[in-house]
C-alpha atoms as a PDB file:
ATOM      1  CA  MET A   1      -0.118  -0.067   0.119  1.00  0.00           C
ATOM      2  CA  SER A   2       0.859   3.299  -0.394  1.00  0.00           C
ATOM      3  CA  LYS A   3       1.690   5.959   2.024  1.00  0.00           C
ATOM      4  CA  SER A   4      -1.423   8.075   0.492  1.00  0.00           C
ATOM      5  CA  GLN A   5      -3.222   5.135   0.676  1.00  0.00           C
ATOM      6  CA  VAL A   6      -2.154   4.313   4.704  1.00  0.00           C
ATOM      7  CA  SER A   7      -2.904   7.969   5.534  1.00  0.00           C
ATOM      8  CA  GLY A   8      -6.292   7.777   4.103  1.00  0.00           C
ATOM      9  CA  LEU A   9      -7.191   4.958   5.996  1.00  0.00           C
ATOM     10  CA  CYS A  10      -5.912   6.458   9.317  1.00  0.00           C
ATOM     11  CA  ALA A  11      -7.625   9.871   8.525  1.00  0.00           C
ATOM     12  CA  GLU A  12     -11.058   7.827   7.947  1.00  0.00           C
ATOM     13  CA  ILE A  13     -10.457   5.452  11.519  1.00  0.00           C
ATOM     14  CA  ASP A  14      -9.669   8.587  13.258  1.00  0.00           C
ATOM     15  CA  GLU A  15     -12.844  10.366  11.991  1.00  0.00           C
ATOM     16  CA  ARG A  16     -14.894   7.538  13.448  1.00  0.00           C
ATOM     17  CA  VAL A  17     -12.854   7.083  16.659  1.00  0.00           C
ATOM     18  CA  ASN A  18     -13.109  10.766  17.545  1.00  0.00           C
ATOM     19  CA  ALA A  19     -16.663  10.883  16.834  1.00  0.00           C
ATOM     20  CA  PHE A  20     -17.358   7.933  19.262  1.00  0.00           C
ATOM     21  CA  LEU A  21     -15.174   9.314  21.838  1.00  0.00           C
ATOM     22  CA  SER A  22     -16.525  12.407  21.863  1.00  0.00           C
ATOM     23  CA  ARG A  23     -20.523  11.677  21.603  1.00  0.00           C
ATOM     24  CA  PRO A  24     -22.982  12.840  24.320  1.00  0.00           C
ATOM     25  CA  VAL A  25     -23.511  10.499  26.967  1.00  0.00           C
ATOM     26  CA  GLU A  26     -27.240  10.426  27.581  1.00  0.00           C
ATOM     27  CA  GLY A  27     -28.971   9.306  31.145  1.00  0.00           C
ATOM     28  CA  ALA A  28     -27.088   8.469  34.166  1.00  0.00           C
ATOM     29  CA  CYS A  29     -24.239   6.082  34.920  1.00  0.00           C
ATOM     30  CA  PRO A  30     -24.435   4.939  38.305  1.00  0.00           C
ATOM     31  CA  TYR A  31     -21.295   2.866  37.928  1.00  0.00           C
ATOM     32  CA  LEU A  32     -18.003   4.004  36.348  1.00  0.00           C
ATOM     33  CA  TRP A  33     -15.131   1.719  35.615  1.00  0.00           C
ATOM     34  CA  LEU A  34     -11.978   2.829  35.264  1.00  0.00           C
ATOM     35  CA  ASP A  35      -8.728   1.239  34.317  1.00  0.00           C
ATOM     36  CA  ALA A  36      -5.274   1.220  32.801  1.00  0.00           C
ATOM     37  CA  THR A  37      -2.908  -0.737  30.649  1.00  0.00           C
ATOM     38  CA  TYR A  38       0.679   0.472  29.301  1.00  0.00           C
ATOM     39  CA  ALA A  39       2.178   0.591  26.162  1.00  0.00           C
ATOM     40  CA  LYS A  40       5.737   2.163  24.669  1.00  0.00           C
ATOM     41  CA  VAL A  41       5.756   5.263  22.722  1.00  0.00           C
ATOM     42  CA  ARG A  42       8.038   7.179  21.041  1.00  0.00           C
ATOM     43  CA  GLU A  43       7.993  10.846  23.109  1.00  0.00           C
ATOM     44  CA  VAL A  44      10.884  13.514  21.925  1.00  0.00           C
ATOM     45  CA  GLY A  45      13.125  11.082  20.776  1.00  0.00           C
ATOM     46  CA  ARG A  46      13.198   8.458  23.310  1.00  0.00           C
ATOM     47  CA  ILE A  47      11.004   5.468  24.091  1.00  0.00           C
ATOM     48  CA  VAL A  48       8.517   5.624  27.302  1.00  0.00           C
ATOM     49  CA  SER A  49       5.895   3.904  28.860  1.00  0.00           C
ATOM     50  CA  CYS A  50       2.587   5.454  28.541  1.00  0.00           C
ATOM     51  CA  ALA A  51      -1.085   4.921  30.663  1.00  0.00           C
ATOM     52  CA  VAL A  52      -3.989   4.006  28.560  1.00  0.00           C
ATOM     53  CA  ILE A  53      -6.984   4.521  30.415  1.00  0.00           C
ATOM     54  CA  ILE A  54     -10.684   2.901  29.195  1.00  0.00           C
ATOM     55  CA  ALA A  55     -13.493   4.303  31.294  1.00  0.00           C
ATOM     56  CA  VAL A  56     -16.584   1.827  31.064  1.00  0.00           C
ATOM     57  CA  ALA A  57     -19.924   2.391  32.841  1.00  0.00           C
ATOM     58  CA  VAL A  58     -23.208   0.869  33.313  1.00  0.00           C
ATOM     59  CA  ASN A  59     -26.213   3.016  31.962  1.00  0.00           C
ATOM     60  CA  GLU A  60     -30.032   3.202  32.841  1.00  0.00           C
ATOM     61  CA  ASP A  61     -30.760   0.793  30.356  1.00  0.00           C
ATOM     62  CA  GLY A  62     -28.493  -1.851  32.145  1.00  0.00           C
ATOM     63  CA  LYS A  63     -26.179  -1.779  29.595  1.00  0.00           C
ATOM     64  CA  ARG A  64     -22.260  -1.637  29.288  1.00  0.00           C
ATOM     65  CA  GLU A  65     -20.741   1.240  27.753  1.00  0.00           C
ATOM     66  CA  VAL A  66     -17.422   2.438  26.789  1.00  0.00           C
ATOM     67  CA  LEU A  67     -17.637   6.292  27.375  1.00  0.00           C
ATOM     68  CA  GLY A  68     -13.888   7.050  26.804  1.00  0.00           C
ATOM     69  CA  VAL A  69     -10.062   6.686  26.332  1.00  0.00           C
ATOM     70  CA  THR A  70      -7.115   8.493  26.924  1.00  0.00           C
ATOM     71  CA  ASN A  71      -3.720   8.029  27.656  1.00  0.00           C
ATOM     72  CA  GLY A  72      -1.193   9.957  30.067  1.00  0.00           C
ATOM     73  CA  PRO A  73       0.264   9.444  33.641  1.00  0.00           C
ATOM     74  CA  SER A  74      -1.605   7.912  35.434  1.00  0.00           C
ATOM     75  CA  GLU A  75      -0.524   9.245  38.809  1.00  0.00           C
ATOM     76  CA  ALA A  76      -1.089  12.669  38.417  1.00  0.00           C
ATOM     77  CA  GLU A  77      -4.548  14.105  39.927  1.00  0.00           C
ATOM     78  CA  MET A  78      -4.503  17.043  37.669  1.00  0.00           C
ATOM     79  CA  PHE A  79      -4.414  14.130  34.627  1.00  0.00           C
ATOM     80  CA  TRP A  80      -7.407  12.248  36.114  1.00  0.00           C
ATOM     81  CA  THR A  81      -9.436  15.241  37.193  1.00  0.00           C
ATOM     82  CA  ASP A  82      -9.019  16.566  33.583  1.00  0.00           C
ATOM     83  CA  PHE A  83     -10.301  13.125  32.048  1.00  0.00           C
ATOM     84  CA  LEU A  84     -13.464  12.791  34.389  1.00  0.00           C
ATOM     85  CA  ARG A  85     -14.214  16.459  33.788  1.00  0.00           C
ATOM     86  CA  SER A  86     -14.245  15.713  29.754  1.00  0.00           C
ATOM     87  CA  LEU A  87     -16.736  13.047  30.329  1.00  0.00           C
ATOM     88  CA  ALA A  88     -18.950  15.073  32.476  1.00  0.00           C
ATOM     89  CA  ASP A  89     -18.982  17.886  30.316  1.00  0.00           C
ATOM     90  CA  ARG A  90     -20.124  15.212  27.601  1.00  0.00           C
ATOM     91  CA  GLY A  91     -23.241  14.545  29.567  1.00  0.00           C
ATOM     92  CA  LEU A  92     -22.021  11.939  32.018  1.00  0.00           C
ATOM     93  CA  ARG A  93     -23.974  12.505  35.398  1.00  0.00           C
ATOM     94  CA  GLY A  94     -25.278  10.270  38.175  1.00  0.00           C
ATOM     95  CA  VAL A  95     -22.054   8.342  38.934  1.00  0.00           C
ATOM     96  CA  LYS A  96     -22.376   6.913  42.182  1.00  0.00           C
ATOM     97  CA  LEU A  97     -19.502   4.400  42.309  1.00  0.00           C
ATOM     98  CA  VAL A  98     -15.674   4.878  40.865  1.00  0.00           C
ATOM     99  CA  ILE A  99     -14.072   1.579  40.751  1.00  0.00           C
ATOM    100  CA  THR A 100     -10.709   1.508  39.974  1.00  0.00           C
ATOM    101  CA  ASP A 101      -7.156   0.222  41.087  1.00  0.00           C
ATOM    102  CA  ASP A 102      -4.798   2.260  42.873  1.00  0.00           C
ATOM    103  CA  TYR A 103      -4.234   5.160  41.051  1.00  0.00           C
ATOM    104  CA  LYS A 104      -2.939   8.142  43.175  1.00  0.00           C
ATOM    105  CA  GLY A 105      -5.392  11.416  42.475  1.00  0.00           C
ATOM    106  CA  LEU A 106      -8.201   9.301  41.397  1.00  0.00           C
ATOM    107  CA  ARG A 107     -10.184   9.189  44.738  1.00  0.00           C
ATOM    108  CA  ALA A 108      -9.844  13.123  45.210  1.00  0.00           C
ATOM    109  CA  ALA A 109     -10.409  13.572  41.487  1.00  0.00           C
ATOM    110  CA  ALA A 110     -13.563  11.763  41.592  1.00  0.00           C
ATOM    111  CA  ARG A 111     -15.086  13.085  44.698  1.00  0.00           C
ATOM    112  CA  ARG A 112     -14.417  16.474  42.936  1.00  0.00           C
ATOM    113  CA  VAL A 113     -16.233  15.770  39.626  1.00  0.00           C
ATOM    114  CA  PHE A 114     -18.864  13.724  40.548  1.00  0.00           C
ATOM    115  CA  ASN A 115     -19.009  13.568  44.401  1.00  0.00           C
ATOM    116  CA  ALA A 116     -19.034   9.364  44.008  1.00  0.00           C
ATOM    117  CA  THR A 117     -17.871   6.851  46.438  1.00  0.00           C
ATOM    118  CA  HIS A 118     -14.348   5.038  45.563  1.00  0.00           C
ATOM    119  CA  GLN A 119     -14.088   1.459  45.110  1.00  0.00           C
ATOM    120  CA  ARG A 120     -10.891  -0.058  45.515  1.00  0.00           C
ATOM    121  CA  CYS A 121     -10.190  -3.049  43.348  1.00  0.00           C
ATOM    122  CA  ARG A 122     -10.755  -5.870  45.931  1.00  0.00           C
ATOM    123  CA  ILE A 123      -9.025  -8.465  43.791  1.00  0.00           C
ATOM    124  CA  HIS A 124      -5.770  -6.601  43.527  1.00  0.00           C
ATOM    125  CA  ARG A 125      -5.999  -5.068  47.058  1.00  0.00           C
ATOM    126  CA  MET A 126      -5.966  -8.741  48.473  1.00  0.00           C
ATOM    127  CA  ARG A 127      -3.296  -9.825  46.036  1.00  0.00           C
ATOM    128  CA  ASN A 128      -1.289  -7.241  47.597  1.00  0.00           C
ATOM    129  CA  ALA A 129      -1.986  -8.059  51.194  1.00  0.00           C
ATOM    130  CA  LEU A 130      -1.187 -11.884  50.407  1.00  0.00           C
ATOM    131  CA  ALA A 131       2.356 -10.411  48.734  1.00  0.00           C
ATOM    132  CA  LEU A 132       3.079  -9.225  52.207  1.00  0.00           C
ATOM    133  CA  ALA A 133       2.422 -12.630  53.774  1.00  0.00           C
ATOM    134  CA  PRO A 134       5.218 -15.021  54.395  1.00  0.00           C
ATOM    135  CA  ALA A 135       5.380 -17.885  51.089  1.00  0.00           C
ATOM    136  CA  LYS A 136       4.603 -20.621  53.300  1.00  0.00           C
ATOM    137  CA  GLN A 137       1.605 -18.910  55.152  1.00  0.00           C
ATOM    138  CA  ARG A 138      -0.067 -17.445  51.977  1.00  0.00           C
ATOM    139  CA  THR A 139      -2.543 -20.674  51.830  1.00  0.00           C
ATOM    140  CA  ALA A 140      -3.587 -19.710  55.340  1.00  0.00           C
ATOM    141  CA  VAL A 141      -3.805 -16.125  54.932  1.00  0.00           C
ATOM    142  CA  ALA A 142      -5.700 -16.497  51.647  1.00  0.00           C
ATOM    143  CA  ALA A 143      -8.078 -18.635  53.555  1.00  0.00           C
ATOM    144  CA  MET A 144      -8.918 -16.389  56.552  1.00  0.00           C
ATOM    145  CA  LEU A 145      -9.388 -13.612  53.409  1.00  0.00           C
ATOM    146  CA  LYS A 146     -11.873 -15.502  51.904  1.00  0.00           C
ATOM    147  CA  THR A 147     -13.831 -15.772  54.891  1.00  0.00           C
ATOM    148  CA  ILE A 148     -14.297 -11.758  54.966  1.00  0.00           C
ATOM    149  CA  PHE A 149     -16.205 -12.047  51.713  1.00  0.00           C
ATOM    150  CA  ALA A 150     -18.373 -15.037  52.908  1.00  0.00           C
ATOM    151  CA  GLN A 151     -20.574 -12.773  55.132  1.00  0.00           C
ATOM    152  CA  GLU A 152     -23.977 -11.795  54.701  1.00  0.00           C
ATOM    153  CA  THR A 153     -24.199  -8.175  55.645  1.00  0.00           C
ATOM    154  CA  LYS A 154     -21.888  -5.127  55.897  1.00  0.00           C
ATOM    155  CA  VAL A 155     -21.913  -4.951  59.337  1.00  0.00           C
ATOM    156  CA  GLU A 156     -20.971  -8.777  59.682  1.00  0.00           C
ATOM    157  CA  THR A 157     -18.047  -8.363  57.030  1.00  0.00           C
ATOM    158  CA  GLU A 158     -16.541  -5.217  58.801  1.00  0.00           C
ATOM    159  CA  GLN A 159     -16.758  -7.267  61.901  1.00  0.00           C
ATOM    160  CA  GLN A 160     -14.865 -10.376  60.166  1.00  0.00           C
ATOM    161  CA  TRP A 161     -12.352  -7.922  58.794  1.00  0.00           C
ATOM    162  CA  GLY A 162     -11.607  -6.341  62.001  1.00  0.00           C
ATOM    163  CA  THR A 163     -11.242  -9.980  63.415  1.00  0.00           C
ATOM    164  CA  VAL A 164      -8.958 -11.243  60.399  1.00  0.00           C
ATOM    165  CA  ALA A 165      -6.999  -8.051  60.597  1.00  0.00           C
ATOM    166  CA  ASP A 166      -6.509  -8.377  64.396  1.00  0.00           C
ATOM    167  CA  ALA A 167      -5.118 -12.389  64.064  1.00  0.00           C
ATOM    168  CA  LEU A 168      -2.262 -11.232  61.416  1.00  0.00           C
ATOM    169  CA  ARG A 169      -1.206  -8.100  63.115  1.00  0.00           C
ATOM    170  CA  LYS A 170       0.141 -10.640  65.669  1.00  0.00           C
ATOM    171  CA  LYS A 171       2.679 -12.007  63.868  1.00  0.00           C
ATOM    172  CA  GLN A 172       2.424  -9.569  60.882  1.00  0.00           C
ATOM    173  CA  PRO A 173       2.258  -6.181  61.293  1.00  0.00           C
ATOM    174  CA  GLU A 174       2.859  -4.709  58.258  1.00  0.00           C
ATOM    175  CA  LEU A 175      -0.039  -6.611  56.956  1.00  0.00           C
ATOM    176  CA  GLY A 176      -2.424  -5.738  59.631  1.00  0.00           C
ATOM    177  CA  ALA A 177      -1.521  -2.105  59.095  1.00  0.00           C
ATOM    178  CA  LEU A 178      -2.248  -2.719  55.410  1.00  0.00           C
ATOM    179  CA  MET A 179      -5.865  -4.247  56.454  1.00  0.00           C
ATOM    180  CA  ASP A 180      -6.525  -1.406  58.293  1.00  0.00           C
ATOM    181  CA  SER A 181      -5.678   1.467  55.759  1.00  0.00           C
ATOM    182  CA  SER A 182      -7.930  -0.352  53.321  1.00  0.00           C
ATOM    183  CA  ARG A 183     -11.297  -1.787  54.824  1.00  0.00           C
ATOM    184  CA  ASP A 184     -13.380   1.456  53.482  1.00  0.00           C
ATOM    185  CA  GLU A 185     -12.259   1.311  50.201  1.00  0.00           C
ATOM    186  CA  VAL A 186     -12.314  -2.369  49.429  1.00  0.00           C
ATOM    187  CA  LEU A 187     -15.813  -2.603  51.187  1.00  0.00           C
ATOM    188  CA  ALA A 188     -17.277   0.575  49.791  1.00  0.00           C
ATOM    189  CA  TYR A 189     -19.377  -1.810  47.277  1.00  0.00           C
ATOM    190  CA  MET A 190     -21.180  -3.204  50.030  1.00  0.00           C
ATOM    191  CA  SER A 191     -23.334  -0.214  50.428  1.00  0.00           C
ATOM    192  CA  PHE A 192     -25.067  -0.939  46.939  1.00  0.00           C
ATOM    193  CA  PRO A 193     -27.103  -3.551  45.997  1.00  0.00           C
ATOM    194  CA  ARG A 194     -26.256  -7.213  46.930  1.00  0.00           C
ATOM    195  CA  GLU A 195     -27.644  -8.349  43.367  1.00  0.00           C
ATOM    196  CA  HIS A 196     -24.348  -6.496  42.097  1.00  0.00           C
ATOM    197  CA  SER A 197     -21.626  -7.690  44.188  1.00  0.00           C
ATOM    198  CA  THR A 198     -19.940 -10.181  42.037  1.00  0.00           C
ATOM    199  CA  GLN A 199     -19.572  -6.827  39.363  1.00  0.00           C
ATOM    200  CA  ILE A 200     -18.824  -4.026  40.980  1.00  0.00           C
ATOM    201  CA  PRO A 201     -15.852  -4.866  44.018  1.00  0.00           C
ATOM    202  CA  SER A 202     -13.244  -4.882  40.995  1.00  0.00           C
ATOM    203  CA  THR A 203     -11.683  -3.997  37.852  1.00  0.00           C
ATOM    204  CA  ASN A 204     -12.377  -7.571  36.629  1.00  0.00           C
ATOM    205  CA  PRO A 205     -15.467  -6.533  33.915  1.00  0.00           C
ATOM    206  CA  LEU A 206     -12.413  -4.725  32.112  1.00  0.00           C
ATOM    207  CA  GLU A 207      -9.900  -7.388  32.138  1.00  0.00           C
ATOM    208  CA  ARG A 208     -10.949  -8.906  28.878  1.00  0.00           C
ATOM    209  CA  MET A 209     -10.513  -5.351  27.057  1.00  0.00           C
ATOM    210  CA  ASN A 210      -7.227  -4.603  28.461  1.00  0.00           C
ATOM    211  CA  ARG A 211      -5.788  -7.951  27.658  1.00  0.00           C
ATOM    212  CA  GLU A 212      -7.171  -7.698  23.838  1.00  0.00           C
ATOM    213  CA  VAL A 213      -5.529  -3.940  24.041  1.00  0.00           C
ATOM    214  CA  LYS A 214      -2.135  -5.520  25.526  1.00  0.00           C
ATOM    215  CA  ARG A 215      -2.037  -8.189  22.858  1.00  0.00           C
ATOM    216  CA  ARG A 216      -2.443  -5.534  19.890  1.00  0.00           C
ATOM    217  CA  ALA A 217      -0.060  -3.406  21.609  1.00  0.00           C
ATOM    218  CA  ASP A 218       2.886  -6.245  22.028  1.00  0.00           C
ATOM    219  CA  ALA A 219       2.304  -6.784  18.096  1.00  0.00           C
ATOM    220  CA  ILE A 220       3.055  -3.189  17.366  1.00  0.00           C
ATOM    221  CA  GLY A 221       6.016  -2.688  20.129  1.00  0.00           C
ATOM    222  CA  ILE A 222       6.249   0.909  19.922  1.00  0.00           C
ATOM    223  CA  PHE A 223       3.958   3.462  18.946  1.00  0.00           C
ATOM    224  CA  PRO A 224       4.915   6.539  16.875  1.00  0.00           C
ATOM    225  CA  ASN A 225       2.853   8.838  18.632  1.00  0.00           C
ATOM    226  CA  ASP A 226       0.124   9.186  21.198  1.00  0.00           C
ATOM    227  CA  ASP A 227      -2.343   9.643  18.694  1.00  0.00           C
ATOM    228  CA  ALA A 228      -1.773   6.339  17.256  1.00  0.00           C
ATOM    229  CA  ILE A 229      -2.551   4.887  20.479  1.00  0.00           C
ATOM    230  CA  VAL A 230      -5.659   6.481  20.814  1.00  0.00           C
ATOM    231  CA  ARG A 231      -6.285   5.261  17.388  1.00  0.00           C
ATOM    232  CA  LEU A 232      -5.884   1.525  17.715  1.00  0.00           C
ATOM    233  CA  VAL A 233      -7.373   1.240  20.987  1.00  0.00           C
ATOM    234  CA  GLY A 234     -10.168   3.569  20.609  1.00  0.00           C
ATOM    235  CA  ALA A 235     -11.202   1.266  17.463  1.00  0.00           C
ATOM    236  CA  LEU A 236     -10.986  -1.552  19.503  1.00  0.00           C
ATOM    237  CA  MET A 237     -13.619   0.024  22.143  1.00  0.00           C
ATOM    238  CA  LEU A 238     -15.703   1.125  19.540  1.00  0.00           C
ATOM    239  CA  GLU A 239     -15.929  -2.699  17.973  1.00  0.00           C
ATOM    240  CA  THR A 240     -16.750  -3.629  21.880  1.00  0.00           C
ATOM    241  CA  ASN A 241     -19.294  -1.413  22.222  1.00  0.00           C
ATOM    242  CA  ASP A 242     -21.276  -2.154  19.318  1.00  0.00           C
ATOM    243  CA  GLU A 243     -21.223  -5.505  20.677  1.00  0.00           C
ATOM    244  CA  TRP A 244     -22.667  -4.298  23.703  1.00  0.00           C
ATOM    245  CA  VAL A 245     -25.443  -2.661  22.167  1.00  0.00           C
ATOM    246  CA  VAL A 246     -27.082  -5.806  20.847  1.00  0.00           C
ATOM    247  CA  ALA A 247     -26.265  -7.753  23.887  1.00  0.00           C
ATOM    248  CA  ARG A 248     -28.251  -8.671  27.110  1.00  0.00           C
ATOM    249  CA  ARG A 249     -28.132  -6.235  29.744  1.00  0.00           C
ATOM    250  CA  TYR A 250     -25.457  -6.394  32.243  1.00  0.00           C
ATOM    251  CA  MET A 251     -27.713  -5.429  35.325  1.00  0.00           C
ATOM    252  CA  SER A 252     -31.296  -5.610  35.780  1.00  0.00           C
ATOM    253  CA  LEU A 253     -33.541  -2.569  35.760  1.00  0.00           C
ATOM    254  CA  GLU A 254     -34.976  -3.056  38.853  1.00  0.00           C
ATOM    255  CA  THR A 255     -31.666  -3.416  40.932  1.00  0.00           C
ATOM    256  CA  LEU A 256     -30.371  -0.170  39.061  1.00  0.00           C
ATOM    257  CA  ALA A 257     -33.495   1.540  40.322  1.00  0.00           C
ATOM    258  CA  ARG A 258     -32.280   1.446  43.848  1.00  0.00           C
ATOM    259  CA  VAL A 259     -28.895   2.783  42.910  1.00  0.00           C
ATOM    260  CA  THR A 260     -30.423   5.659  40.622  1.00  0.00           C
ATOM    261  CA  GLN A 261     -33.266   6.424  42.994  1.00  0.00           C
ATOM    262  CA  ASN A 262     -35.594   6.337  39.889  1.00  0.00           C
ATOM    263  CA  PRO A 263     -38.760   4.541  41.386  1.00  0.00           C
ATOM    264  CA  ASN A 264     -40.260   4.689  37.598  1.00  0.00           C
ATOM    265  CA  VAL A 265     -38.839   1.894  35.975  1.00  0.00           C
ATOM    266  CA  ARG A 266     -40.761   0.554  33.001  1.00  0.00           C
ATOM    267  CA  LEU A 267     -39.872  -2.605  31.289  1.00  0.00           C
ATOM    268  CA  PRO A 268     -39.886  -2.368  27.608  1.00  0.00           C
ATOM    269  CA  ALA A 269     -42.202  -3.995  25.213  1.00  0.00           C
ATOM    270  CA  VAL A 270     -39.481  -5.961  24.278  1.00  0.00           C
ATOM    271  CA  ALA A 271     -37.026  -7.485  26.962  1.00  0.00           C
ATOM    272  CA  ALA A 272     -33.582  -7.217  26.083  1.00  0.00           C
END
């Protein structure tokens, strides 16, 4: 293919991707997932690692929706604030819970832009906890941690969390301190409908997407610039979003109504 043909194809893809990533967001989205993967990109004559951020939400119809893609320094609070404000400017509202891994500055940005609760990814945080345990004791520690999430209510879960933390603290003070500092963020999801408890405690709903992004990025190796990253990831997310539009609901309307505080839920004539 000639250079002009390649340029024409890129321009066509950019037009579609930019239209997708700048489209208005309609209706309330109570749950917002944010996760990052990393890619290599050329920047001022050197190769650097760049965070590629994907934002996914569940809308009022109970469907998942890709809201945005961007890239930048995942540790910077200003970066997160600007990204979340760009989503709000497009119409995103009604966010009650933001589910992420541990990105510095994101908790403050989520509170500032959406006044939303922050849910720290439960799976990643428990892996952090196990990493602090001696290798020979990790199986036992993992079993203790599982007892926390086997409880029925938030009160019981918090009580069991305290019991496990106290037991671990006796021989492993560092692990006990991590448990103390993590409780509120890791258990934030328990203030929401129990029917959603398998979907909102972690960033796992984005894992398949991140694996696909990583697979394509690894095949390319080094991106020539930031626009090339957004072009590739945006095109993948556009395809994913099209699949979700015709897929079954991710959450039921009745359970979502308890989060959005909308009592006037009406099922459509043809259920999805």
